[in-house]
Amino acid sequence: MTISVCIVDDNKDIRSALEQIIMMADGYSLAGSFADAETALQKIPLVQPNVVLMDINLGDGESGIDCVRQLKPLHPEILFMMCTIYEEDEKIFEALKAGANGYILKKTAPGKLLDSLRELYEGGAPMSSQIARKVVNAFQSRPADAPETSTAVKPMNILSNRENEILELLARGMLYKEIAGHLYISQETVRKHVYHIYEKLHVNNRVEAINKFYGR
């Protein structure tokens, strides 16, 4: 099935490059491309894309995070992938809290960008490895007055050995495709395991699963 994508980025060169990546890829279609938050807020509900590639900084006016915060509650079926040069912890968690479904860096290679969009569409919550490490570090951190404890992760008894293995790889920021290759299993098998992991842990996405994984 073709995945329809909208792009929101105020940088004309980057926006044009992303447009070319989407238009030249099999299985993807460009539903719209917008340079500012105001236009995006008006047009995205009309074109109803499957996925929105959303820049965080949109120049003057509202940010990409503001866009997601307004659109997601009204259109929960639309998936938002934050695409940015930023790796700041505050931006990452603000975007995820606003309703972003995935978070990748603009320097991500085109092939991996497309893989991330498809994984998002198929129910995953992709993050670049750099972003995933920051999320993991945040969950591993302890208050200064907390007793000394090991940061080593203990397997969850509620999960099978394979599910624990896959959850650890998710926490490293791996895509389903990469996990499948690492474990010599199919992507469909990975998807089924992730579904059962989320079900057993009573979570809805990768961030919540990592949170549980690190006992927070």
N, C-alpha and C. Protein backbone atom coordinates (compact mmCIF):
# COMPACT_ATOMS: atom_id res chain seq x y z
N MET A 1 0.84 -1.20 0.00
CA MET A 1 0.00 0.00 0.00
C MET A 1 0.88 1.25 0.00
N THR A 2 0.46 2.26 -0.76
CA THR A 2 1.22 3.51 -0.84
C THR A 2 1.00 4.35 0.42
N ILE A 3 2.09 4.87 0.98
CA ILE A 3 2.04 5.70 2.17
C ILE A 3 2.07 7.17 1.74
N SER A 4 1.05 7.92 2.09
CA SER A 4 1.00 9.34 1.73
C SER A 4 1.70 10.16 2.81
N VAL A 5 2.53 11.09 2.37
CA VAL A 5 3.39 11.84 3.28
C VAL A 5 3.24 13.34 3.05
N CYS A 6 3.16 14.10 4.14
CA CYS A 6 3.25 15.56 4.08
C CYS A 6 4.57 15.98 4.70
N ILE A 7 5.14 17.04 4.17
CA ILE A 7 6.40 17.58 4.68
C ILE A 7 6.16 18.99 5.18
N VAL A 8 6.68 19.29 6.38
CA VAL A 8 6.59 20.65 6.92
C VAL A 8 7.99 21.08 7.32
N ASP A 9 8.56 22.02 6.57
CA ASP A 9 9.92 22.48 6.85
C ASP A 9 10.10 23.87 6.24
N ASP A 10 10.64 24.80 7.02
CA ASP A 10 10.77 26.17 6.52
C ASP A 10 12.02 26.37 5.67
N ASN A 11 12.92 25.40 5.65
CA ASN A 11 14.13 25.50 4.84
C ASN A 11 13.83 24.96 3.44
N LYS A 12 13.87 25.83 2.45
CA LYS A 12 13.47 25.45 1.10
C LYS A 12 14.31 24.31 0.53
N ASP A 13 15.63 24.34 0.76
CA ASP A 13 16.51 23.31 0.22
C ASP A 13 16.23 21.95 0.86
N ILE A 14 16.09 21.95 2.17
CA ILE A 14 15.80 20.69 2.87
C ILE A 14 14.43 20.17 2.46
N ARG A 15 13.45 21.07 2.38
CA ARG A 15 12.10 20.67 1.98
C ARG A 15 12.12 20.06 0.57
N SER A 16 12.85 20.68 -0.32
CA SER A 16 12.95 20.17 -1.69
C SER A 16 13.62 18.80 -1.73
N ALA A 17 14.66 18.62 -0.91
CA ALA A 17 15.36 17.34 -0.87
C ALA A 17 14.44 16.24 -0.35
N LEU A 18 13.68 16.55 0.69
CA LEU A 18 12.74 15.57 1.25
C LEU A 18 11.64 15.24 0.23
N GLU A 19 11.19 16.24 -0.48
CA GLU A 19 10.17 16.02 -1.52
C GLU A 19 10.68 15.02 -2.56
N GLN A 20 11.93 15.21 -2.99
CA GLN A 20 12.52 14.32 -4.00
C GLN A 20 12.64 12.89 -3.49
N ILE A 21 13.04 12.75 -2.22
CA ILE A 21 13.17 11.41 -1.63
C ILE A 21 11.83 10.69 -1.66
N ILE A 22 10.77 11.40 -1.27
CA ILE A 22 9.43 10.79 -1.21
C ILE A 22 8.92 10.49 -2.62
N MET A 23 9.05 11.44 -3.53
CA MET A 23 8.47 11.28 -4.87
C MET A 23 9.18 10.20 -5.69
N MET A 24 10.47 9.98 -5.41
CA MET A 24 11.23 9.01 -6.18
C MET A 24 11.17 7.60 -5.61
N ALA A 25 10.59 7.45 -4.43
CA ALA A 25 10.56 6.14 -3.77
C ALA A 25 9.28 5.37 -4.11
N ASP A 26 9.42 4.11 -4.39
CA ASP A 26 8.27 3.24 -4.61
C ASP A 26 7.51 3.05 -3.31
N GLY A 27 6.18 3.10 -3.37
CA GLY A 27 5.36 2.86 -2.19
C GLY A 27 5.08 4.10 -1.35
N TYR A 28 5.50 5.27 -1.87
CA TYR A 28 5.27 6.52 -1.14
C TYR A 28 4.70 7.56 -2.09
N SER A 29 3.88 8.46 -1.58
CA SER A 29 3.37 9.56 -2.39
C SER A 29 3.42 10.85 -1.58
N LEU A 30 3.67 11.96 -2.25
CA LEU A 30 3.73 13.26 -1.58
C LEU A 30 2.35 13.89 -1.59
N ALA A 31 1.75 14.03 -0.40
CA ALA A 31 0.41 14.59 -0.28
C ALA A 31 0.42 16.10 -0.15
N GLY A 32 1.55 16.65 0.30
CA GLY A 32 1.63 18.10 0.47
C GLY A 32 2.97 18.48 1.05
N SER A 33 3.38 19.73 0.82
CA SER A 33 4.65 20.22 1.34
C SER A 33 4.47 21.67 1.73
N PHE A 34 4.75 22.00 3.00
CA PHE A 34 4.42 23.31 3.54
C PHE A 34 5.62 23.94 4.25
N ALA A 35 5.71 25.26 4.17
CA ALA A 35 6.87 25.97 4.69
C ALA A 35 6.64 26.60 6.06
N ASP A 36 5.41 26.59 6.56
CA ASP A 36 5.15 27.23 7.85
C ASP A 36 4.02 26.54 8.58
N ALA A 37 3.95 26.82 9.88
CA ALA A 37 2.96 26.17 10.74
C ALA A 37 1.53 26.54 10.36
N GLU A 38 1.31 27.81 10.04
CA GLU A 38 -0.04 28.28 9.71
C GLU A 38 -0.63 27.51 8.53
N THR A 39 0.17 27.36 7.46
CA THR A 39 -0.30 26.62 6.28
C THR A 39 -0.51 25.16 6.61
N ALA A 40 0.43 24.59 7.37
CA ALA A 40 0.33 23.17 7.74
C ALA A 40 -0.95 22.89 8.53
N LEU A 41 -1.26 23.78 9.47
CA LEU A 41 -2.46 23.59 10.30
C LEU A 41 -3.74 23.65 9.47
N GLN A 42 -3.71 24.42 8.40
CA GLN A 42 -4.89 24.53 7.52
C GLN A 42 -4.99 23.35 6.55
N LYS A 43 -3.85 22.97 5.97
CA LYS A 43 -3.87 22.02 4.85
C LYS A 43 -3.82 20.54 5.26
N ILE A 44 -3.09 20.22 6.31
CA ILE A 44 -2.94 18.81 6.69
C ILE A 44 -4.29 18.14 6.96
N PRO A 45 -5.21 18.78 7.70
CA PRO A 45 -6.52 18.13 7.90
C PRO A 45 -7.29 17.91 6.60
N LEU A 46 -7.01 18.70 5.58
CA LEU A 46 -7.71 18.56 4.30
C LEU A 46 -7.17 17.41 3.47
N VAL A 47 -5.85 17.24 3.48
CA VAL A 47 -5.26 16.18 2.63
C VAL A 47 -5.18 14.84 3.35
N GLN A 48 -5.26 14.85 4.70
CA GLN A 48 -5.28 13.62 5.49
C GLN A 48 -4.17 12.63 5.10
N PRO A 49 -2.90 13.01 5.27
CA PRO A 49 -1.81 12.09 4.96
C PRO A 49 -1.71 10.98 5.99
N ASN A 50 -1.03 9.91 5.62
CA ASN A 50 -0.75 8.85 6.60
C ASN A 50 0.29 9.32 7.61
N VAL A 51 1.32 10.01 7.09
CA VAL A 51 2.45 10.42 7.92
C VAL A 51 2.83 11.87 7.60
N VAL A 52 3.23 12.61 8.63
CA VAL A 52 3.75 13.96 8.45
C VAL A 52 5.20 14.00 8.93
N LEU A 53 6.10 14.44 8.05
CA LEU A 53 7.49 14.70 8.43
C LEU A 53 7.54 16.15 8.91
N MET A 54 7.69 16.34 10.20
CA MET A 54 7.53 17.67 10.79
C MET A 54 8.83 18.22 11.35
N ASP A 55 9.26 19.35 10.84
CA ASP A 55 10.43 20.03 11.40
C ASP A 55 10.04 20.66 12.73
N ILE A 56 10.98 20.75 13.66
CA ILE A 56 10.67 21.36 14.96
C ILE A 56 10.68 22.88 14.87
N ASN A 57 11.72 23.45 14.30
CA ASN A 57 11.82 24.91 14.19
C ASN A 57 11.26 25.37 12.86
N LEU A 58 10.24 26.20 12.89
CA LEU A 58 9.62 26.68 11.66
C LEU A 58 9.73 28.19 11.53
N GLY A 59 10.84 28.75 11.99
CA GLY A 59 11.03 30.19 11.88
C GLY A 59 10.11 30.95 12.82
N ASP A 60 9.59 32.06 12.35
CA ASP A 60 8.70 32.88 13.17
C ASP A 60 7.36 32.17 13.37
N GLY A 61 6.72 32.48 14.45
CA GLY A 61 5.40 31.91 14.71
C GLY A 61 5.48 30.58 15.44
N GLU A 62 4.53 29.72 15.18
CA GLU A 62 4.42 28.47 15.91
C GLU A 62 5.46 27.45 15.44
N SER A 63 5.87 26.58 16.35
CA SER A 63 6.86 25.56 16.04
C SER A 63 6.18 24.29 15.54
N GLY A 64 7.00 23.34 15.09
CA GLY A 64 6.47 22.06 14.68
C GLY A 64 5.82 21.32 15.83
N ILE A 65 6.39 21.50 17.02
CA ILE A 65 5.80 20.87 18.21
C ILE A 65 4.41 21.44 18.47
N ASP A 66 4.24 22.76 18.28
CA ASP A 66 2.92 23.39 18.44
C ASP A 66 1.93 22.79 17.43
N CYS A 67 2.40 22.56 16.22
CA CYS A 67 1.54 21.96 15.18
C CYS A 67 1.03 20.59 15.61
N VAL A 68 1.96 19.77 16.07
CA VAL A 68 1.58 18.41 16.50
C VAL A 68 0.61 18.48 17.67
N ARG A 69 0.90 19.36 18.60
CA ARG A 69 0.06 19.49 19.80
C ARG A 69 -1.38 19.86 19.43
N GLN A 70 -1.55 20.65 18.37
CA GLN A 70 -2.89 21.04 17.95
C GLN A 70 -3.57 20.01 17.05
N LEU A 71 -2.80 19.39 16.17
CA LEU A 71 -3.39 18.48 15.19
C LEU A 71 -3.66 17.08 15.72
N LYS A 72 -2.78 16.58 16.58
CA LYS A 72 -2.88 15.18 17.01
C LYS A 72 -4.20 14.85 17.72
N PRO A 73 -4.66 15.69 18.65
CA PRO A 73 -5.92 15.36 19.32
C PRO A 73 -7.12 15.33 18.36
N LEU A 74 -7.08 16.17 17.32
CA LEU A 74 -8.18 16.24 16.36
C LEU A 74 -8.08 15.17 15.28
N HIS A 75 -6.86 14.71 15.01
CA HIS A 75 -6.63 13.73 13.96
C HIS A 75 -5.67 12.65 14.45
N PRO A 76 -6.11 11.83 15.41
CA PRO A 76 -5.21 10.83 16.01
C PRO A 76 -4.71 9.79 15.03
N GLU A 77 -5.40 9.66 13.89
CA GLU A 77 -4.98 8.66 12.90
C GLU A 77 -3.76 9.11 12.10
N ILE A 78 -3.46 10.40 12.10
CA ILE A 78 -2.28 10.91 11.39
C ILE A 78 -1.04 10.71 12.26
N LEU A 79 0.01 10.16 11.67
CA LEU A 79 1.25 9.88 12.39
C LEU A 79 2.25 11.01 12.14
N PHE A 80 2.92 11.43 13.20
CA PHE A 80 3.86 12.55 13.09
C PHE A 80 5.29 12.09 13.39
N MET A 81 6.16 12.28 12.42
CA MET A 81 7.59 11.98 12.58
C MET A 81 8.35 13.30 12.65
N MET A 82 8.93 13.61 13.81
CA MET A 82 9.72 14.82 13.95
C MET A 82 11.04 14.61 13.21
N CYS A 83 11.37 15.54 12.36
CA CYS A 83 12.59 15.45 11.55
C CYS A 83 13.38 16.73 11.79
N THR A 84 14.50 16.64 12.47
CA THR A 84 15.16 17.84 12.96
C THR A 84 16.66 17.68 13.10
N ILE A 85 17.35 18.80 13.23
CA ILE A 85 18.79 18.76 13.48
C ILE A 85 19.06 18.71 14.98
N TYR A 86 18.02 18.89 15.79
CA TYR A 86 18.20 19.02 17.23
C TYR A 86 18.25 17.67 17.94
N GLU A 87 19.12 17.59 18.95
CA GLU A 87 19.19 16.40 19.80
C GLU A 87 18.98 16.76 21.27
N GLU A 88 18.54 18.01 21.53
CA GLU A 88 18.37 18.42 22.93
C GLU A 88 17.28 17.61 23.62
N ASP A 89 17.59 17.19 24.85
CA ASP A 89 16.64 16.37 25.61
C ASP A 89 15.28 17.04 25.73
N GLU A 90 15.30 18.35 26.02
CA GLU A 90 14.03 19.07 26.24
C GLU A 90 13.15 19.03 25.00
N LYS A 91 13.76 19.24 23.82
CA LYS A 91 13.01 19.21 22.56
C LYS A 91 12.45 17.82 22.30
N ILE A 92 13.27 16.79 22.55
CA ILE A 92 12.84 15.41 22.30
C ILE A 92 11.59 15.09 23.10
N PHE A 93 11.66 15.33 24.41
CA PHE A 93 10.54 14.94 25.27
C PHE A 93 9.32 15.86 25.09
N GLU A 94 9.56 17.11 24.75
CA GLU A 94 8.44 18.01 24.47
C GLU A 94 7.68 17.54 23.23
N ALA A 95 8.43 17.10 22.21
CA ALA A 95 7.80 16.62 20.98
C ALA A 95 7.02 15.33 21.24
N LEU A 96 7.62 14.41 21.98
CA LEU A 96 6.94 13.13 22.27
C LEU A 96 5.70 13.37 23.13
N LYS A 97 5.81 14.28 24.07
CA LYS A 97 4.66 14.60 24.93
C LYS A 97 3.54 15.24 24.13
N ALA A 98 3.90 16.01 23.10
CA ALA A 98 2.90 16.68 22.26
C ALA A 98 2.13 15.69 21.39
N GLY A 99 2.69 14.49 21.20
CA GLY A 99 1.99 13.48 20.40
C GLY A 99 2.78 12.95 19.23
N ALA A 100 4.06 13.32 19.12
CA ALA A 100 4.89 12.79 18.03
C ALA A 100 5.01 11.28 18.17
N ASN A 101 5.02 10.58 17.04
CA ASN A 101 5.09 9.12 17.04
C ASN A 101 6.48 8.59 16.77
N GLY A 102 7.35 9.45 16.25
CA GLY A 102 8.72 9.05 15.96
C GLY A 102 9.59 10.29 15.92
N TYR A 103 10.92 10.11 15.93
CA TYR A 103 11.81 11.26 16.04
C TYR A 103 13.13 10.89 15.40
N ILE A 104 13.46 11.50 14.25
CA ILE A 104 14.72 11.20 13.59
C ILE A 104 15.47 12.49 13.26
N LEU A 105 16.75 12.36 12.98
CA LEU A 105 17.58 13.51 12.66
C LEU A 105 17.62 13.73 11.15
N LYS A 106 17.80 14.99 10.76
CA LYS A 106 17.81 15.32 9.33
C LYS A 106 18.99 14.70 8.60
N LYS A 107 20.04 14.36 9.32
CA LYS A 107 21.20 13.74 8.68
C LYS A 107 21.00 12.25 8.42
N THR A 108 19.82 11.73 8.77
CA THR A 108 19.51 10.33 8.51
C THR A 108 19.56 10.05 7.00
N ALA A 109 20.17 8.95 6.62
CA ALA A 109 20.28 8.59 5.20
C ALA A 109 18.89 8.36 4.60
N PRO A 110 18.70 8.69 3.31
CA PRO A 110 17.38 8.56 2.68
C PRO A 110 16.75 7.17 2.84
N GLY A 111 17.55 6.13 2.67
CA GLY A 111 17.01 4.77 2.80
C GLY A 111 16.46 4.50 4.19
N LYS A 112 17.20 4.94 5.20
CA LYS A 112 16.76 4.72 6.57
C LYS A 112 15.56 5.61 6.90
N LEU A 113 15.52 6.79 6.32
CA LEU A 113 14.36 7.67 6.50
C LEU A 113 13.09 6.99 5.99
N LEU A 114 13.17 6.41 4.79
CA LEU A 114 12.02 5.72 4.20
C LEU A 114 11.65 4.49 5.03
N ASP A 115 12.65 3.75 5.50
CA ASP A 115 12.37 2.59 6.36
C ASP A 115 11.66 3.03 7.63
N SER A 116 12.08 4.18 8.18
CA SER A 116 11.46 4.68 9.42
C SER A 116 10.00 5.08 9.18
N LEU A 117 9.73 5.70 8.03
CA LEU A 117 8.36 6.08 7.70
C LEU A 117 7.47 4.85 7.58
N ARG A 118 7.99 3.81 6.94
CA ARG A 118 7.19 2.59 6.77
C ARG A 118 6.97 1.90 8.11
N GLU A 119 8.02 1.86 8.94
CA GLU A 119 7.87 1.25 10.26
C GLU A 119 6.83 2.00 11.08
N LEU A 120 6.86 3.33 11.00
CA LEU A 120 5.88 4.15 11.72
C LEU A 120 4.48 3.81 11.23
N TYR A 121 4.32 3.72 9.92
CA TYR A 121 3.02 3.42 9.32
C TYR A 121 2.52 2.03 9.74
N GLU A 122 3.45 1.11 9.94
CA GLU A 122 3.08 -0.27 10.28
C GLU A 122 2.96 -0.50 11.78
N GLY A 123 3.01 0.57 12.55
CA GLY A 123 2.73 0.44 13.98
C GLY A 123 3.92 0.64 14.90
N GLY A 124 5.10 0.90 14.34
CA GLY A 124 6.28 1.10 15.16
C GLY A 124 6.39 2.54 15.64
N ALA A 125 7.47 2.80 16.38
CA ALA A 125 7.75 4.16 16.86
C ALA A 125 9.23 4.42 16.69
N PRO A 126 9.68 4.58 15.45
CA PRO A 126 11.12 4.70 15.19
C PRO A 126 11.75 5.97 15.73
N MET A 127 12.97 5.80 16.21
CA MET A 127 13.80 6.92 16.62
C MET A 127 15.21 6.66 16.11
N SER A 128 15.92 7.69 15.72
CA SER A 128 17.31 7.48 15.33
C SER A 128 18.08 7.00 16.56
N SER A 129 19.20 6.31 16.34
CA SER A 129 19.95 5.74 17.46
C SER A 129 20.42 6.82 18.42
N GLN A 130 20.76 8.02 17.89
CA GLN A 130 21.21 9.11 18.76
C GLN A 130 20.09 9.54 19.71
N ILE A 131 18.88 9.64 19.15
CA ILE A 131 17.72 10.03 19.97
C ILE A 131 17.39 8.95 20.98
N ALA A 132 17.41 7.70 20.54
CA ALA A 132 17.10 6.58 21.45
C ALA A 132 18.07 6.56 22.63
N ARG A 133 19.34 6.83 22.37
CA ARG A 133 20.32 6.84 23.46
C ARG A 133 19.99 7.91 24.49
N LYS A 134 19.54 9.07 24.01
CA LYS A 134 19.18 10.14 24.94
C LYS A 134 17.97 9.76 25.79
N VAL A 135 16.99 9.09 25.14
CA VAL A 135 15.81 8.63 25.88
C VAL A 135 16.23 7.61 26.94
N VAL A 136 17.09 6.66 26.53
CA VAL A 136 17.57 5.64 27.46
C VAL A 136 18.33 6.29 28.61
N ASN A 137 19.22 7.24 28.30
CA ASN A 137 20.00 7.92 29.34
C ASN A 137 19.09 8.63 30.34
N ALA A 138 18.02 9.22 29.83
CA ALA A 138 17.08 9.92 30.71
C ALA A 138 16.40 8.94 31.65
N PHE A 139 16.04 7.76 31.14
CA PHE A 139 15.37 6.78 31.98
C PHE A 139 16.34 6.10 32.96
N GLN A 140 17.63 6.05 32.58
CA GLN A 140 18.62 5.43 33.45
C GLN A 140 19.06 6.35 34.57
N SER A 141 18.91 7.67 34.36
CA SER A 141 19.42 8.63 35.33
C SER A 141 18.70 8.48 36.66
N ARG A 142 19.41 8.74 37.72
CA ARG A 142 18.86 8.65 39.07
C ARG A 142 19.07 9.97 39.80
N PRO A 143 18.17 10.34 40.72
CA PRO A 143 18.39 11.55 41.52
C PRO A 143 19.71 11.45 42.27
N ALA A 144 20.33 12.60 42.55
CA ALA A 144 21.63 12.61 43.20
C ALA A 144 21.60 11.94 44.57
N ASP A 145 20.46 12.02 45.28
CA ASP A 145 20.39 11.46 46.62
C ASP A 145 19.87 10.03 46.62
N ALA A 146 19.68 9.43 45.42
CA ALA A 146 19.19 8.06 45.35
C ALA A 146 20.31 7.11 45.72
N PRO A 147 20.00 5.95 46.33
CA PRO A 147 21.04 4.99 46.68
C PRO A 147 21.72 4.46 45.44
N GLU A 148 22.98 4.09 45.58
CA GLU A 148 23.74 3.56 44.46
C GLU A 148 23.14 2.24 44.01
N THR A 149 22.81 2.14 42.75
CA THR A 149 22.28 0.89 42.19
C THR A 149 22.91 0.66 40.84
N SER A 150 22.92 -0.55 40.44
CA SER A 150 23.47 -0.88 39.13
C SER A 150 22.52 -0.42 38.05
N THR A 151 23.06 0.11 36.93
CA THR A 151 22.21 0.53 35.83
C THR A 151 21.98 -0.62 34.85
N ALA A 152 22.52 -1.78 35.17
CA ALA A 152 22.32 -2.93 34.28
C ALA A 152 20.85 -3.29 34.28
N VAL A 153 20.35 -3.62 33.13
CA VAL A 153 18.94 -3.95 32.99
C VAL A 153 18.71 -5.41 33.32
N LYS A 154 17.73 -5.66 34.18
CA LYS A 154 17.37 -7.04 34.50
C LYS A 154 16.22 -7.47 33.60
N PRO A 155 16.26 -8.69 33.08
CA PRO A 155 15.17 -9.17 32.22
C PRO A 155 13.84 -9.12 32.96
N MET A 156 12.79 -8.82 32.22
CA MET A 156 11.45 -8.79 32.82
C MET A 156 10.87 -10.20 32.81
N ASN A 157 10.43 -10.65 33.97
CA ASN A 157 9.90 -12.01 34.08
C ASN A 157 8.65 -12.21 33.25
N ILE A 158 7.90 -11.11 33.05
CA ILE A 158 6.65 -11.22 32.32
C ILE A 158 6.87 -11.47 30.83
N LEU A 159 8.07 -11.17 30.33
CA LEU A 159 8.40 -11.33 28.92
C LEU A 159 9.22 -12.59 28.69
N SER A 160 9.08 -13.14 27.50
CA SER A 160 9.91 -14.29 27.13
C SER A 160 11.34 -13.83 26.87
N ASN A 161 12.27 -14.78 26.78
CA ASN A 161 13.66 -14.41 26.52
C ASN A 161 13.78 -13.63 25.20
N ARG A 162 13.06 -14.08 24.19
CA ARG A 162 13.11 -13.41 22.89
C ARG A 162 12.53 -12.00 22.98
N GLU A 163 11.44 -11.85 23.72
CA GLU A 163 10.82 -10.53 23.88
C GLU A 163 11.75 -9.58 24.63
N ASN A 164 12.42 -10.07 25.66
CA ASN A 164 13.39 -9.24 26.37
C ASN A 164 14.53 -8.81 25.45
N GLU A 165 14.95 -9.74 24.58
CA GLU A 165 16.02 -9.46 23.64
C GLU A 165 15.60 -8.37 22.66
N ILE A 166 14.38 -8.47 22.15
CA ILE A 166 13.88 -7.49 21.19
C ILE A 166 13.66 -6.14 21.87
N LEU A 167 13.17 -6.14 23.10
CA LEU A 167 12.95 -4.88 23.81
C LEU A 167 14.28 -4.16 24.04
N GLU A 168 15.33 -4.90 24.34
CA GLU A 168 16.64 -4.28 24.53
C GLU A 168 17.13 -3.65 23.23
N LEU A 169 16.89 -4.32 22.10
CA LEU A 169 17.30 -3.78 20.80
C LEU A 169 16.47 -2.55 20.43
N LEU A 170 15.18 -2.56 20.79
CA LEU A 170 14.35 -1.37 20.60
C LEU A 170 14.91 -0.20 21.38
N ALA A 171 15.37 -0.47 22.61
CA ALA A 171 15.91 0.57 23.47
C ALA A 171 17.21 1.15 22.91
N ARG A 172 17.87 0.39 22.04
CA ARG A 172 19.08 0.89 21.40
C ARG A 172 18.77 1.75 20.17
N GLY A 173 17.50 1.83 19.81
CA GLY A 173 17.10 2.65 18.68
C GLY A 173 17.05 1.90 17.36
N MET A 174 17.11 0.58 17.39
CA MET A 174 17.08 -0.20 16.15
C MET A 174 15.70 -0.19 15.52
N LEU A 175 15.65 -0.17 14.19
CA LEU A 175 14.40 -0.33 13.45
C LEU A 175 14.04 -1.81 13.38
N TYR A 176 12.77 -2.10 13.07
CA TYR A 176 12.34 -3.49 12.94
C TYR A 176 13.22 -4.24 11.94
N LYS A 177 13.53 -3.58 10.83
CA LYS A 177 14.35 -4.20 9.79
C LYS A 177 15.73 -4.58 10.33
N GLU A 178 16.31 -3.71 11.15
CA GLU A 178 17.62 -3.98 11.72
C GLU A 178 17.56 -5.09 12.77
N ILE A 179 16.49 -5.10 13.57
CA ILE A 179 16.32 -6.16 14.57
C ILE A 179 16.16 -7.51 13.88
N ALA A 180 15.37 -7.52 12.81
CA ALA A 180 15.17 -8.76 12.06
C ALA A 180 16.49 -9.31 11.54
N GLY A 181 17.33 -8.43 10.99
CA GLY A 181 18.63 -8.86 10.49
C GLY A 181 19.55 -9.33 11.60
N HIS A 182 19.50 -8.63 12.73
CA HIS A 182 20.37 -8.96 13.87
C HIS A 182 20.02 -10.33 14.46
N LEU A 183 18.72 -10.63 14.48
CA LEU A 183 18.26 -11.88 15.11
C LEU A 183 17.97 -12.99 14.10
N TYR A 184 18.14 -12.68 12.82
CA TYR A 184 17.88 -13.66 11.74
C TYR A 184 16.43 -14.15 11.76
N ILE A 185 15.51 -13.20 11.92
CA ILE A 185 14.08 -13.51 11.86
C ILE A 185 13.44 -12.50 10.91
N SER A 186 12.18 -12.70 10.55
CA SER A 186 11.50 -11.80 9.62
C SER A 186 11.01 -10.54 10.34
N GLN A 187 10.78 -9.49 9.56
CA GLN A 187 10.24 -8.26 10.14
C GLN A 187 8.85 -8.51 10.70
N GLU A 188 8.09 -9.37 10.05
CA GLU A 188 6.74 -9.68 10.54
C GLU A 188 6.81 -10.34 11.91
N THR A 189 7.79 -11.20 12.11
CA THR A 189 7.98 -11.84 13.42
C THR A 189 8.34 -10.79 14.46
N VAL A 190 9.20 -9.85 14.08
CA VAL A 190 9.56 -8.76 15.01
C VAL A 190 8.31 -7.98 15.39
N ARG A 191 7.48 -7.64 14.39
CA ARG A 191 6.25 -6.88 14.66
C ARG A 191 5.34 -7.62 15.64
N LYS A 192 5.22 -8.93 15.46
CA LYS A 192 4.36 -9.72 16.35
C LYS A 192 4.90 -9.72 17.77
N HIS A 193 6.23 -9.85 17.89
CA HIS A 193 6.84 -9.81 19.23
C HIS A 193 6.61 -8.46 19.89
N VAL A 194 6.79 -7.37 19.13
CA VAL A 194 6.62 -6.03 19.69
C VAL A 194 5.17 -5.83 20.13
N TYR A 195 4.23 -6.33 19.34
CA TYR A 195 2.81 -6.24 19.71
C TYR A 195 2.58 -6.91 21.06
N HIS A 196 3.15 -8.12 21.24
CA HIS A 196 2.97 -8.85 22.49
C HIS A 196 3.69 -8.16 23.65
N ILE A 197 4.85 -7.55 23.37
CA ILE A 197 5.57 -6.81 24.40
C ILE A 197 4.71 -5.64 24.91
N TYR A 198 4.17 -4.85 23.97
CA TYR A 198 3.33 -3.72 24.35
C TYR A 198 2.10 -4.19 25.13
N GLU A 199 1.52 -5.30 24.68
CA GLU A 199 0.32 -5.84 25.33
C GLU A 199 0.63 -6.27 26.76
N LYS A 200 1.74 -6.99 26.94
CA LYS A 200 2.11 -7.49 28.26
C LYS A 200 2.50 -6.37 29.22
N LEU A 201 3.14 -5.33 28.69
CA LEU A 201 3.60 -4.23 29.54
C LEU A 201 2.55 -3.13 29.70
N HIS A 202 1.42 -3.28 28.96
CA HIS A 202 0.34 -2.28 29.00
C HIS A 202 0.85 -0.91 28.59
N VAL A 203 1.59 -0.86 27.47
CA VAL A 203 2.10 0.39 26.93
C VAL A 203 1.66 0.51 25.48
N ASN A 204 1.83 1.72 24.93
CA ASN A 204 1.37 1.98 23.56
C ASN A 204 2.48 2.29 22.58
N ASN A 205 3.70 2.52 23.08
CA ASN A 205 4.77 2.89 22.17
C ASN A 205 6.13 2.56 22.74
N ARG A 206 7.16 2.80 21.92
CA ARG A 206 8.54 2.46 22.29
C ARG A 206 9.01 3.20 23.53
N VAL A 207 8.68 4.49 23.64
CA VAL A 207 9.15 5.29 24.78
C VAL A 207 8.61 4.72 26.08
N GLU A 208 7.32 4.40 26.12
CA GLU A 208 6.72 3.83 27.33
C GLU A 208 7.33 2.48 27.64
N ALA A 209 7.62 1.69 26.61
CA ALA A 209 8.22 0.37 26.81
C ALA A 209 9.62 0.50 27.40
N ILE A 210 10.41 1.46 26.87
CA ILE A 210 11.76 1.69 27.40
C ILE A 210 11.69 2.14 28.86
N ASN A 211 10.70 2.97 29.15
CA ASN A 211 10.48 3.43 30.51
C ASN A 211 10.30 2.24 31.45
N LYS A 212 9.43 1.31 31.08
CA LYS A 212 9.20 0.11 31.87
C LYS A 212 10.47 -0.74 31.95
N PHE A 213 11.18 -0.81 30.83
CA PHE A 213 12.39 -1.63 30.72
C PHE A 213 13.42 -1.20 31.75
N TYR A 214 13.52 0.12 31.98
CA TYR A 214 14.49 0.64 32.92
C TYR A 214 13.89 0.89 34.30
N GLY A 215 12.70 0.37 34.50
CA GLY A 215 12.13 0.38 35.84
C GLY A 215 11.72 1.72 36.37
N ARG A 216 11.33 2.64 35.45
CA ARG A 216 10.94 3.98 35.88
C ARG A 216 9.42 4.12 35.88
